[in-house]
């Protein structure tokens, strides 16, 4: 299994856990995974042009106290293991999580 395949598996596993915990379908996230692939979709989420464009699923995770299951947290986790994502990408993911904590009520 490649690191990219592992990333997608972890993202899908976290979506399943989040769905079980919240009842939210995360349809758009799953659709994006199918259309773009997990790594490309993750990079789209942390693109600075999307800094305050929070998908409904991320808002659901924030309200449920489950940001640890977010794509952004998965980027950070993979970077910390030396997989796929650069330090700048991990920093962008951290900033996005900080921003959602501040702006989403």
PDB file of N, CA and C in Angstrom:
ATOM      1  N   UNK A   1       0.845  -1.177   0.000  1.00  0.00           N
ATOM      2  CA  UNK A   1       0.000   0.000   0.000  1.00  0.00           C
ATOM      3  C   UNK A   1       0.893   1.244   0.000  1.00  0.00           C
ATOM      4  N   UNK A   2       0.622   2.171  -0.887  1.00  0.00           N
ATOM      5  CA  UNK A   2       1.383   3.414  -0.935  1.00  0.00           C
ATOM      6  C   UNK A   2       0.940   4.341   0.204  1.00  0.00           C
ATOM      7  N   UNK A   3       1.738   5.347   0.464  1.00  0.00           N
ATOM      8  CA  UNK A   3       1.367   6.323   1.495  1.00  0.00           C
ATOM      9  C   UNK A   3       0.098   7.076   1.102  1.00  0.00           C
ATOM     10  N   UNK A   4      -0.086   7.305  -0.195  1.00  0.00           N
ATOM     11  CA  UNK A   4      -1.302   7.963  -0.671  1.00  0.00           C
ATOM     12  C   UNK A   4      -2.527   7.081  -0.426  1.00  0.00           C
ATOM     13  N   UNK A   5      -2.388   5.787  -0.683  1.00  0.00           N
ATOM     14  CA  UNK A   5      -3.492   4.851  -0.421  1.00  0.00           C
ATOM     15  C   UNK A   5      -3.773   4.765   1.078  1.00  0.00           C
ATOM     16  N   UNK A   6      -2.724   4.774   1.879  1.00  0.00           N
ATOM     17  CA  UNK A   6      -2.896   4.746   3.330  1.00  0.00           C
ATOM     18  C   UNK A   6      -3.621   6.013   3.793  1.00  0.00           C
ATOM     19  N   UNK A   7      -3.237   7.158   3.246  1.00  0.00           N
ATOM     20  CA  UNK A   7      -3.908   8.411   3.594  1.00  0.00           C
ATOM     21  C   UNK A   7      -5.398   8.310   3.288  1.00  0.00           C
ATOM     22  N   UNK A   8      -5.728   7.824   2.110  1.00  0.00           N
ATOM     23  CA  UNK A   8      -7.145   7.701   1.757  1.00  0.00           C
ATOM     24  C   UNK A   8      -7.862   6.740   2.700  1.00  0.00           C
ATOM     25  N   UNK A   9      -7.233   5.639   3.047  1.00  0.00           N
ATOM     26  CA  UNK A   9      -7.861   4.692   3.967  1.00  0.00           C
ATOM     27  C   UNK A   9      -8.119   5.334   5.329  1.00  0.00           C
ATOM     28  N   UNK A  10      -7.144   6.073   5.827  1.00  0.00           N
ATOM     29  CA  UNK A  10      -7.303   6.737   7.126  1.00  0.00           C
ATOM     30  C   UNK A  10      -8.412   7.776   7.047  1.00  0.00           C
ATOM     31  N   UNK A  11      -8.439   8.566   5.973  1.00  0.00           N
ATOM     32  CA  UNK A  11      -9.508   9.561   5.810  1.00  0.00           C
ATOM     33  C   UNK A  11     -10.863   8.867   5.791  1.00  0.00           C
ATOM     34  N   UNK A  12     -10.994   7.799   5.020  1.00  0.00           N
ATOM     35  CA  UNK A  12     -12.280   7.080   4.950  1.00  0.00           C
ATOM     36  C   UNK A  12     -12.657   6.482   6.305  1.00  0.00           C
ATOM     37  N   UNK A  13     -11.683   5.940   7.032  1.00  0.00           N
ATOM     38  CA  UNK A  13     -11.958   5.396   8.368  1.00  0.00           C
ATOM     39  C   UNK A  13     -12.451   6.495   9.316  1.00  0.00           C
ATOM     40  N   UNK A  14     -11.827   7.664   9.227  1.00  0.00           N
ATOM     41  CA  UNK A  14     -12.241   8.771  10.088  1.00  0.00           C
ATOM     42  C   UNK A  14     -13.626   9.285   9.699  1.00  0.00           C
ATOM     43  N   UNK A  15     -13.925   9.281   8.411  1.00  0.00           N
ATOM     44  CA  UNK A  15     -15.276   9.665   7.977  1.00  0.00           C
ATOM     45  C   UNK A  15     -16.298   8.695   8.566  1.00  0.00           C
ATOM     46  N   UNK A  16     -15.993   7.418   8.525  1.00  0.00           N
ATOM     47  CA  UNK A  16     -16.910   6.410   9.078  1.00  0.00           C
ATOM     48  C   UNK A  16     -17.117   6.635  10.577  1.00  0.00           C
ATOM     49  N   UNK A  17     -16.041   6.930  11.299  1.00  0.00           N
ATOM     50  CA  UNK A  17     -16.165   7.194  12.736  1.00  0.00           C
ATOM     51  C   UNK A  17     -16.989   8.455  12.982  1.00  0.00           C
ATOM     52  N   UNK A  18     -16.751   9.492  12.177  1.00  0.00           N
ATOM     53  CA  UNK A  18     -17.486  10.745  12.343  1.00  0.00           C
ATOM     54  C   UNK A  18     -18.965  10.556  12.012  1.00  0.00           C
ATOM     55  N   UNK A  19     -19.259   9.781  10.988  1.00  0.00           N
ATOM     56  CA  UNK A  19     -20.647   9.508  10.624  1.00  0.00           C
ATOM     57  C   UNK A  19     -21.350   8.765  11.756  1.00  0.00           C
ATOM     58  N   UNK A  20     -20.674   7.766  12.308  1.00  0.00           N
ATOM     59  CA  UNK A  20     -21.264   7.005  13.412  1.00  0.00           C
ATOM     60  C   UNK A  20     -21.522   7.893  14.624  1.00  0.00           C
ATOM     61  N   UNK A  21     -20.632   8.841  14.869  1.00  0.00           N
ATOM     62  CA  UNK A  21     -20.753   9.694  16.050  1.00  0.00           C
ATOM     63  C   UNK A  21     -21.764  10.823  15.872  1.00  0.00           C
ATOM     64  N   UNK A  22     -21.928  11.309  14.630  1.00  0.00           N
ATOM     65  CA  UNK A  22     -22.749  12.509  14.418  1.00  0.00           C
ATOM     66  C   UNK A  22     -24.027  12.264  13.625  1.00  0.00           C
ATOM     67  N   UNK A  23     -24.071  11.184  12.854  1.00  0.00           N
ATOM     68  CA  UNK A  23     -25.201  10.939  11.972  1.00  0.00           C
ATOM     69  C   UNK A  23     -25.124  11.730  10.672  1.00  0.00           C
ATOM     70  N   UNK A  24     -24.101  12.567  10.506  1.00  0.00           N
ATOM     71  CA  UNK A  24     -23.911  13.350   9.288  1.00  0.00           C
ATOM     72  C   UNK A  24     -23.332  12.437   8.202  1.00  0.00           C
ATOM     73  N   UNK A  25     -23.786  12.611   6.977  1.00  0.00           N
ATOM     74  CA  UNK A  25     -23.358  11.696   5.902  1.00  0.00           C
ATOM     75  C   UNK A  25     -21.992  12.022   5.312  1.00  0.00           C
ATOM     76  N   UNK A  26     -21.518  13.262   5.404  1.00  0.00           N
ATOM     77  CA  UNK A  26     -20.258  13.693   4.797  1.00  0.00           C
ATOM     78  C   UNK A  26     -20.244  13.370   3.299  1.00  0.00           C
ATOM     79  N   UNK A  27     -21.423  13.533   2.684  1.00  0.00           N
ATOM     80  CA  UNK A  27     -21.600  13.203   1.270  1.00  0.00           C
ATOM     81  C   UNK A  27     -20.614  13.955   0.379  1.00  0.00           C
ATOM     82  N   UNK A  28     -20.486  15.261   0.576  1.00  0.00           N
ATOM     83  CA  UNK A  28     -19.627  16.051  -0.302  1.00  0.00           C
ATOM     84  C   UNK A  28     -18.160  15.680  -0.149  1.00  0.00           C
ATOM     85  N   UNK A  29     -17.756  15.338   1.047  1.00  0.00           N
ATOM     86  CA  UNK A  29     -16.389  14.877   1.263  1.00  0.00           C
ATOM     87  C   UNK A  29     -16.162  13.550   0.548  1.00  0.00           C
ATOM     88  N   UNK A  30     -17.079  12.625   0.709  1.00  0.00           N
ATOM     89  CA  UNK A  30     -16.947  11.335   0.031  1.00  0.00           C
ATOM     90  C   UNK A  30     -16.978  11.491  -1.486  1.00  0.00           C
ATOM     91  N   UNK A  31     -17.839  12.374  -1.974  1.00  0.00           N
ATOM     92  CA  UNK A  31     -17.908  12.637  -3.405  1.00  0.00           C
ATOM     93  C   UNK A  31     -16.585  13.220  -3.903  1.00  0.00           C
ATOM     94  N   UNK A  32     -16.019  14.143  -3.144  1.00  0.00           N
ATOM     95  CA  UNK A  32     -14.729  14.725  -3.504  1.00  0.00           C
ATOM     96  C   UNK A  32     -13.609  13.703  -3.519  1.00  0.00           C
ATOM     97  N   UNK A  33     -13.655  12.758  -2.596  1.00  0.00           N
ATOM     98  CA  UNK A  33     -12.654  11.691  -2.580  1.00  0.00           C
ATOM     99  C   UNK A  33     -12.729  10.874  -3.866  1.00  0.00           C
ATOM    100  N   UNK A  34     -13.943  10.579  -4.286  1.00  0.00           N
ATOM    101  CA  UNK A  34     -14.128   9.793  -5.512  1.00  0.00           C
ATOM    102  C   UNK A  34     -13.659  10.556  -6.742  1.00  0.00           C
ATOM    103  N   UNK A  35     -13.938  11.833  -6.787  1.00  0.00           N
ATOM    104  CA  UNK A  35     -13.644  12.629  -7.983  1.00  0.00           C
ATOM    105  C   UNK A  35     -12.198  13.108  -8.055  1.00  0.00           C
ATOM    106  N   UNK A  36     -11.610  13.457  -6.912  1.00  0.00           N
ATOM    107  CA  UNK A  36     -10.288  14.087  -6.910  1.00  0.00           C
ATOM    108  C   UNK A  36      -9.186  13.220  -6.311  1.00  0.00           C
ATOM    109  N   UNK A  37      -9.573  12.277  -5.446  1.00  0.00           N
ATOM    110  CA  UNK A  37      -8.588  11.522  -4.682  1.00  0.00           C
ATOM    111  C   UNK A  37      -8.309  12.241  -3.373  1.00  0.00           C
ATOM    112  N   UNK A  38      -7.896  11.497  -2.372  1.00  0.00           N
ATOM    113  CA  UNK A  38      -7.758  12.032  -1.017  1.00  0.00           C
ATOM    114  C   UNK A  38      -6.682  13.101  -0.898  1.00  0.00           C
ATOM    115  N   UNK A  39      -5.517  12.876  -1.491  1.00  0.00           N
ATOM    116  CA  UNK A  39      -4.417  13.836  -1.343  1.00  0.00           C
ATOM    117  C   UNK A  39      -4.750  15.147  -2.049  1.00  0.00           C
ATOM    118  N   UNK A  40      -5.262  15.074  -3.274  1.00  0.00           N
ATOM    119  CA  UNK A  40      -5.620  16.292  -4.012  1.00  0.00           C
ATOM    120  C   UNK A  40      -6.723  17.061  -3.291  1.00  0.00           C
ATOM    121  N   UNK A  41      -7.700  16.345  -2.773  1.00  0.00           N
ATOM    122  CA  UNK A  41      -8.788  16.996  -2.045  1.00  0.00           C
ATOM    123  C   UNK A  41      -8.257  17.657  -0.776  1.00  0.00           C
ATOM    124  N   UNK A  42      -7.388  16.967  -0.058  1.00  0.00           N
ATOM    125  CA  UNK A  42      -6.806  17.523   1.161  1.00  0.00           C
ATOM    126  C   UNK A  42      -6.051  18.811   0.845  1.00  0.00           C
ATOM    127  N   UNK A  43      -5.285  18.798  -0.218  1.00  0.00           N
ATOM    128  CA  UNK A  43      -4.526  19.997  -0.599  1.00  0.00           C
ATOM    129  C   UNK A  43      -5.468  21.134  -0.995  1.00  0.00           C
ATOM    130  N   UNK A  44      -6.580  20.813  -1.583  1.00  0.00           N
ATOM    131  CA  UNK A  44      -7.569  21.841  -1.926  1.00  0.00           C
ATOM    132  C   UNK A  44      -8.121  22.479  -0.649  1.00  0.00           C
ATOM    133  N   UNK A  45      -8.389  21.663   0.356  1.00  0.00           N
ATOM    134  CA  UNK A  45      -8.936  22.186   1.608  1.00  0.00           C
ATOM    135  C   UNK A  45      -7.994  23.173   2.284  1.00  0.00           C
ATOM    136  N   UNK A  46      -6.698  22.937   2.211  1.00  0.00           N
ATOM    137  CA  UNK A  46      -5.750  23.804   2.919  1.00  0.00           C
ATOM    138  C   UNK A  46      -5.189  24.910   2.034  1.00  0.00           C
ATOM    139  N   UNK A  47      -5.648  25.000   0.809  1.00  0.00           N
ATOM    140  CA  UNK A  47      -5.240  26.089  -0.077  1.00  0.00           C
ATOM    141  C   UNK A  47      -5.652  27.410   0.575  1.00  0.00           C
ATOM    142  N   UNK A  48      -4.738  28.386   0.656  1.00  0.00           N
ATOM    143  CA  UNK A  48      -5.070  29.657   1.305  1.00  0.00           C
ATOM    144  C   UNK A  48      -6.305  30.349   0.724  1.00  0.00           C
ATOM    145  N   UNK A  49      -6.611  30.106  -0.522  1.00  0.00           N
ATOM    146  CA  UNK A  49      -7.805  30.715  -1.120  1.00  0.00           C
ATOM    147  C   UNK A  49      -9.084  30.168  -0.488  1.00  0.00           C
ATOM    148  N   UNK A  50      -8.988  29.057   0.223  1.00  0.00           N
ATOM    149  CA  UNK A  50     -10.154  28.450   0.882  1.00  0.00           C
ATOM    150  C   UNK A  50     -10.102  28.619   2.396  1.00  0.00           C
ATOM    151  N   UNK A  51      -9.299  29.559   2.855  1.00  0.00           N
ATOM    152  CA  UNK A  51      -9.008  29.696   4.290  1.00  0.00           C
ATOM    153  C   UNK A  51     -10.251  29.794   5.170  1.00  0.00           C
ATOM    154  N   UNK A  52     -11.282  30.483   4.708  1.00  0.00           N
ATOM    155  CA  UNK A  52     -12.476  30.627   5.540  1.00  0.00           C
ATOM    156  C   UNK A  52     -13.689  29.993   4.882  1.00  0.00           C
ATOM    157  N   UNK A  53     -13.457  29.109   3.945  1.00  0.00           N
ATOM    158  CA  UNK A  53     -14.534  28.373   3.275  1.00  0.00           C
ATOM    159  C   UNK A  53     -14.637  27.010   3.954  1.00  0.00           C
ATOM    160  N   UNK A  54     -15.450  26.961   5.006  1.00  0.00           N
ATOM    161  CA  UNK A  54     -15.542  25.732   5.788  1.00  0.00           C
ATOM    162  C   UNK A  54     -16.692  24.872   5.282  1.00  0.00           C
ATOM    163  N   UNK A  55     -16.386  23.661   4.862  1.00  0.00           N
ATOM    164  CA  UNK A  55     -17.409  22.731   4.423  1.00  0.00           C
ATOM    165  C   UNK A  55     -18.305  22.385   5.609  1.00  0.00           C
ATOM    166  N   UNK A  56     -19.529  22.013   5.294  1.00  0.00           N
ATOM    167  CA  UNK A  56     -20.498  21.681   6.346  1.00  0.00           C
ATOM    168  C   UNK A  56     -19.963  20.581   7.259  1.00  0.00           C
ATOM    169  N   UNK A  57     -19.284  19.605   6.686  1.00  0.00           N
ATOM    170  CA  UNK A  57     -18.749  18.506   7.492  1.00  0.00           C
ATOM    171  C   UNK A  57     -17.756  18.968   8.538  1.00  0.00           C
ATOM    172  N   UNK A  58     -16.927  19.954   8.188  1.00  0.00           N
ATOM    173  CA  UNK A  58     -15.966  20.477   9.158  1.00  0.00           C
ATOM    174  C   UNK A  58     -16.693  21.190  10.296  1.00  0.00           C
ATOM    175  N   UNK A  59     -17.754  21.894   9.951  1.00  0.00           N
ATOM    176  CA  UNK A  59     -18.567  22.549  10.991  1.00  0.00           C
ATOM    177  C   UNK A  59     -19.205  21.511  11.910  1.00  0.00           C
ATOM    178  N   UNK A  60     -19.687  20.417  11.334  1.00  0.00           N
ATOM    179  CA  UNK A  60     -20.288  19.341  12.128  1.00  0.00           C
ATOM    180  C   UNK A  60     -19.252  18.770  13.093  1.00  0.00           C
ATOM    181  N   UNK A  61     -18.039  18.522  12.585  1.00  0.00           N
ATOM    182  CA  UNK A  61     -16.975  17.983  13.440  1.00  0.00           C
ATOM    183  C   UNK A  61     -16.636  18.956  14.570  1.00  0.00           C
ATOM    184  N   UNK A  62     -16.572  20.238  14.258  1.00  0.00           N
ATOM    185  CA  UNK A  62     -16.264  21.239  15.287  1.00  0.00           C
ATOM    186  C   UNK A  62     -17.327  21.226  16.374  1.00  0.00           C
ATOM    187  N   UNK A  63     -18.599  21.243  15.970  1.00  0.00           N
ATOM    188  CA  UNK A  63     -19.696  21.267  16.949  1.00  0.00           C
ATOM    189  C   UNK A  63     -19.726  19.993  17.800  1.00  0.00           C
ATOM    190  N   UNK A  64     -19.284  18.881  17.231  1.00  0.00           N
ATOM    191  CA  UNK A  64     -19.289  17.607  17.956  1.00  0.00           C
ATOM    192  C   UNK A  64     -18.004  17.384  18.758  1.00  0.00           C
ATOM    193  N   UNK A  65     -17.068  18.313  18.665  1.00  0.00           N
ATOM    194  CA  UNK A  65     -15.792  18.131  19.364  1.00  0.00           C
ATOM    195  C   UNK A  65     -14.941  17.041  18.743  1.00  0.00           C
ATOM    196  N   UNK A  66     -15.060  16.889  17.422  1.00  0.00           N
ATOM    197  CA  UNK A  66     -14.369  15.794  16.734  1.00  0.00           C
ATOM    198  C   UNK A  66     -13.404  16.271  15.647  1.00  0.00           C
ATOM    199  N   UNK A  67     -12.822  17.441  15.822  1.00  0.00           N
ATOM    200  CA  UNK A  67     -11.882  17.922  14.809  1.00  0.00           C
ATOM    201  C   UNK A  67     -10.691  16.983  14.630  1.00  0.00           C
ATOM    202  N   UNK A  68     -10.453  16.129  15.601  1.00  0.00           N
ATOM    203  CA  UNK A  68      -9.369  15.147  15.469  1.00  0.00           C
ATOM    204  C   UNK A  68      -9.625  14.174  14.312  1.00  0.00           C
ATOM    205  N   UNK A  69     -10.869  14.115  13.834  1.00  0.00           N
ATOM    206  CA  UNK A  69     -11.219  13.236  12.718  1.00  0.00           C
ATOM    207  C   UNK A  69     -11.205  13.969  11.371  1.00  0.00           C
ATOM    208  N   UNK A  70     -10.832  15.225  11.368  1.00  0.00           N
ATOM    209  CA  UNK A  70     -10.877  16.034  10.145  1.00  0.00           C
ATOM    210  C   UNK A  70      -9.750  15.675   9.178  1.00  0.00           C
ATOM    211  N   UNK A  71      -9.982  16.025   7.923  1.00  0.00           N
ATOM    212  CA  UNK A  71      -8.938  15.875   6.905  1.00  0.00           C
ATOM    213  C   UNK A  71      -7.719  16.698   7.306  1.00  0.00           C
ATOM    214  N   UNK A  72      -7.956  17.885   7.836  1.00  0.00           N
ATOM    215  CA  UNK A  72      -6.856  18.753   8.247  1.00  0.00           C
ATOM    216  C   UNK A  72      -5.988  18.089   9.314  1.00  0.00           C
ATOM    217  N   UNK A  73      -6.611  17.452  10.299  1.00  0.00           N
ATOM    218  CA  UNK A  73      -5.835  16.768  11.332  1.00  0.00           C
ATOM    219  C   UNK A  73      -5.091  15.578  10.746  1.00  0.00           C
ATOM    220  N   UNK A  74      -5.683  14.924   9.778  1.00  0.00           N
ATOM    221  CA  UNK A  74      -5.021  13.791   9.129  1.00  0.00           C
ATOM    222  C   UNK A  74      -3.788  14.265   8.369  1.00  0.00           C
ATOM    223  N   UNK A  75      -3.867  15.420   7.734  1.00  0.00           N
ATOM    224  CA  UNK A  75      -2.689  16.007   7.069  1.00  0.00           C
ATOM    225  C   UNK A  75      -1.575  16.199   8.090  1.00  0.00           C
ATOM    226  N   UNK A  76      -1.905  16.771   9.228  1.00  0.00           N
ATOM    227  CA  UNK A  76      -0.918  17.015  10.281  1.00  0.00           C
ATOM    228  C   UNK A  76      -0.313  15.701  10.759  1.00  0.00           C
ATOM    229  N   UNK A  77      -1.152  14.713  10.997  1.00  0.00           N
ATOM    230  CA  UNK A  77      -0.666  13.409  11.460  1.00  0.00           C
ATOM    231  C   UNK A  77       0.290  12.777  10.454  1.00  0.00           C
ATOM    232  N   UNK A  78      -0.046  12.854   9.182  1.00  0.00           N
ATOM    233  CA  UNK A  78       0.821  12.264   8.162  1.00  0.00           C
ATOM    234  C   UNK A  78       2.126  13.049   8.038  1.00  0.00           C
ATOM    235  N   UNK A  79       2.064  14.356   8.105  1.00  0.00           N
ATOM    236  CA  UNK A  79       3.299  15.146   8.064  1.00  0.00           C
ATOM    237  C   UNK A  79       4.206  14.767   9.232  1.00  0.00           C
ATOM    238  N   UNK A  80       3.618  14.612  10.414  1.00  0.00           N
ATOM    239  CA  UNK A  80       4.408  14.277  11.602  1.00  0.00           C
ATOM    240  C   UNK A  80       5.124  12.935  11.457  1.00  0.00           C
ATOM    241  N   UNK A  81       4.584  12.063  10.624  1.00  0.00           N
ATOM    242  CA  UNK A  81       5.234  10.771  10.350  1.00  0.00           C
ATOM    243  C   UNK A  81       6.194  10.853   9.161  1.00  0.00           C
ATOM    244  N   UNK A  82       6.278  12.028   8.538  1.00  0.00           N
ATOM    245  CA  UNK A  82       7.151  12.195   7.377  1.00  0.00           C
ATOM    246  C   UNK A  82       6.519  11.723   6.085  1.00  0.00           C
ATOM    247  N   UNK A  83       5.193  11.636   6.065  1.00  0.00           N
ATOM    248  CA  UNK A  83       4.477  11.126   4.896  1.00  0.00           C
ATOM    249  C   UNK A  83       3.779  12.258   4.131  1.00  0.00           C
ATOM    250  N   UNK A  84       4.000  12.313   2.860  1.00  0.00           N
ATOM    251  CA  UNK A  84       3.236  13.073   1.856  1.00  0.00           C
ATOM    252  C   UNK A  84       3.315  14.588   2.006  1.00  0.00           C
ATOM    253  N   UNK A  85       2.918  15.130   3.139  1.00  0.00           N
ATOM    254  CA  UNK A  85       2.690  16.562   3.263  1.00  0.00           C
ATOM    255  C   UNK A  85       3.905  17.301   3.814  1.00  0.00           C
ATOM    256  N   UNK A  86       4.122  18.499   3.269  1.00  0.00           N
ATOM    257  CA  UNK A  86       5.249  19.337   3.685  1.00  0.00           C
ATOM    258  C   UNK A  86       4.935  20.044   5.003  1.00  0.00           C
ATOM    259  N   UNK A  87       5.963  20.653   5.570  1.00  0.00           N
ATOM    260  CA  UNK A  87       5.774  21.438   6.790  1.00  0.00           C
ATOM    261  C   UNK A  87       4.814  22.591   6.528  1.00  0.00           C
ATOM    262  N   UNK A  88       4.926  23.224   5.373  1.00  0.00           N
ATOM    263  CA  UNK A  88       4.030  24.334   5.044  1.00  0.00           C
ATOM    264  C   UNK A  88       2.581  23.857   4.942  1.00  0.00           C
ATOM    265  N   UNK A  89       2.371  22.681   4.385  1.00  0.00           N
ATOM    266  CA  UNK A  89       1.013  22.137   4.288  1.00  0.00           C
ATOM    267  C   UNK A  89       0.462  21.794   5.668  1.00  0.00           C
ATOM    268  N   UNK A  90       1.293  21.232   6.525  1.00  0.00           N
ATOM    269  CA  UNK A  90       0.853  20.924   7.894  1.00  0.00           C
ATOM    270  C   UNK A  90       0.538  22.214   8.653  1.00  0.00           C
ATOM    271  N   UNK A  91       1.347  23.244   8.450  1.00  0.00           N
ATOM    272  CA  UNK A  91       1.077  24.538   9.087  1.00  0.00           C
ATOM    273  C   UNK A  91      -0.247  25.118   8.591  1.00  0.00           C
ATOM    274  N   UNK A  92      -0.516  24.991   7.298  1.00  0.00           N
ATOM    275  CA  UNK A  92      -1.784  25.487   6.745  1.00  0.00           C
ATOM    276  C   UNK A  92      -2.965  24.728   7.345  1.00  0.00           C
ATOM    277  N   UNK A  93      -2.801  23.418   7.545  1.00  0.00           N
ATOM    278  CA  UNK A  93      -3.861  22.617   8.162  1.00  0.00           C
ATOM    279  C   UNK A  93      -4.081  23.044   9.616  1.00  0.00           C
ATOM    280  N   UNK A  94      -2.990  23.289  10.341  1.00  0.00           N
ATOM    281  CA  UNK A  94      -3.107  23.761  11.728  1.00  0.00           C
ATOM    282  C   UNK A  94      -3.831  25.110  11.783  1.00  0.00           C
ATOM    283  N   UNK A  95      -3.462  25.994  10.876  1.00  0.00           N
ATOM    284  CA  UNK A  95      -4.085  27.315  10.846  1.00  0.00           C
ATOM    285  C   UNK A  95      -5.575  27.203  10.525  1.00  0.00           C
ATOM    286  N   UNK A  96      -5.911  26.314   9.621  1.00  0.00           N
ATOM    287  CA  UNK A  96      -7.323  26.120   9.268  1.00  0.00           C
ATOM    288  C   UNK A  96      -8.111  25.616  10.484  1.00  0.00           C
ATOM    289  N   UNK A  97      -7.539  24.693  11.232  1.00  0.00           N
ATOM    290  CA  UNK A  97      -8.210  24.194  12.441  1.00  0.00           C
ATOM    291  C   UNK A  97      -8.340  25.302  13.489  1.00  0.00           C
ATOM    292  N   UNK A  98      -7.292  26.118  13.653  1.00  0.00           N
ATOM    293  CA  UNK A  98      -7.387  27.240  14.593  1.00  0.00           C
ATOM    294  C   UNK A  98      -8.489  28.211  14.154  1.00  0.00           C
ATOM    295  N   UNK A  99      -8.563  28.459  12.849  1.00  0.00           N
ATOM    296  CA  UNK A  99      -9.555  29.396  12.333  1.00  0.00           C
ATOM    297  C   UNK A  99     -10.966  28.865  12.536  1.00  0.00           C
ATOM    298  N   UNK A 100     -11.187  27.590  12.265  1.00  0.00           N
ATOM    299  CA  UNK A 100     -12.527  27.042  12.456  1.00  0.00           C
ATOM    300  C   UNK A 100     -12.919  27.088  13.929  1.00  0.00           C
ATOM    301  N   UNK A 101     -11.960  26.884  14.812  1.00  0.00           N
ATOM    302  CA  UNK A 101     -12.242  26.980  16.241  1.00  0.00           C
ATOM    303  C   UNK A 101     -12.707  28.385  16.618  1.00  0.00           C
ATOM    304  N   UNK A 102     -12.107  29.391  15.995  1.00  0.00           N
ATOM    305  CA  UNK A 102     -12.431  30.785  16.320  1.00  0.00           C
ATOM    306  C   UNK A 102     -13.722  31.273  15.651  1.00  0.00           C
ATOM    307  N   UNK A 103     -13.979  30.851  14.422  1.00  0.00           N
ATOM    308  CA  UNK A 103     -15.052  31.447  13.645  1.00  0.00           C
ATOM    309  C   UNK A 103     -16.361  30.676  13.608  1.00  0.00           C
ATOM    310  N   UNK A 104     -16.295  29.384  13.850  1.00  0.00           N
ATOM    311  CA  UNK A 104     -17.516  28.580  13.760  1.00  0.00           C
ATOM    312  C   UNK A 104     -18.091  28.415  15.167  1.00  0.00           C
ATOM    313  N   UNK A 105     -19.340  28.878  15.309  1.00  0.00           N
ATOM    314  CA  UNK A 105     -20.013  28.812  16.617  1.00  0.00           C
ATOM    315  C   UNK A 105     -21.248  27.960  16.554  1.00  0.00           C
TER     316      UNK A 105
END
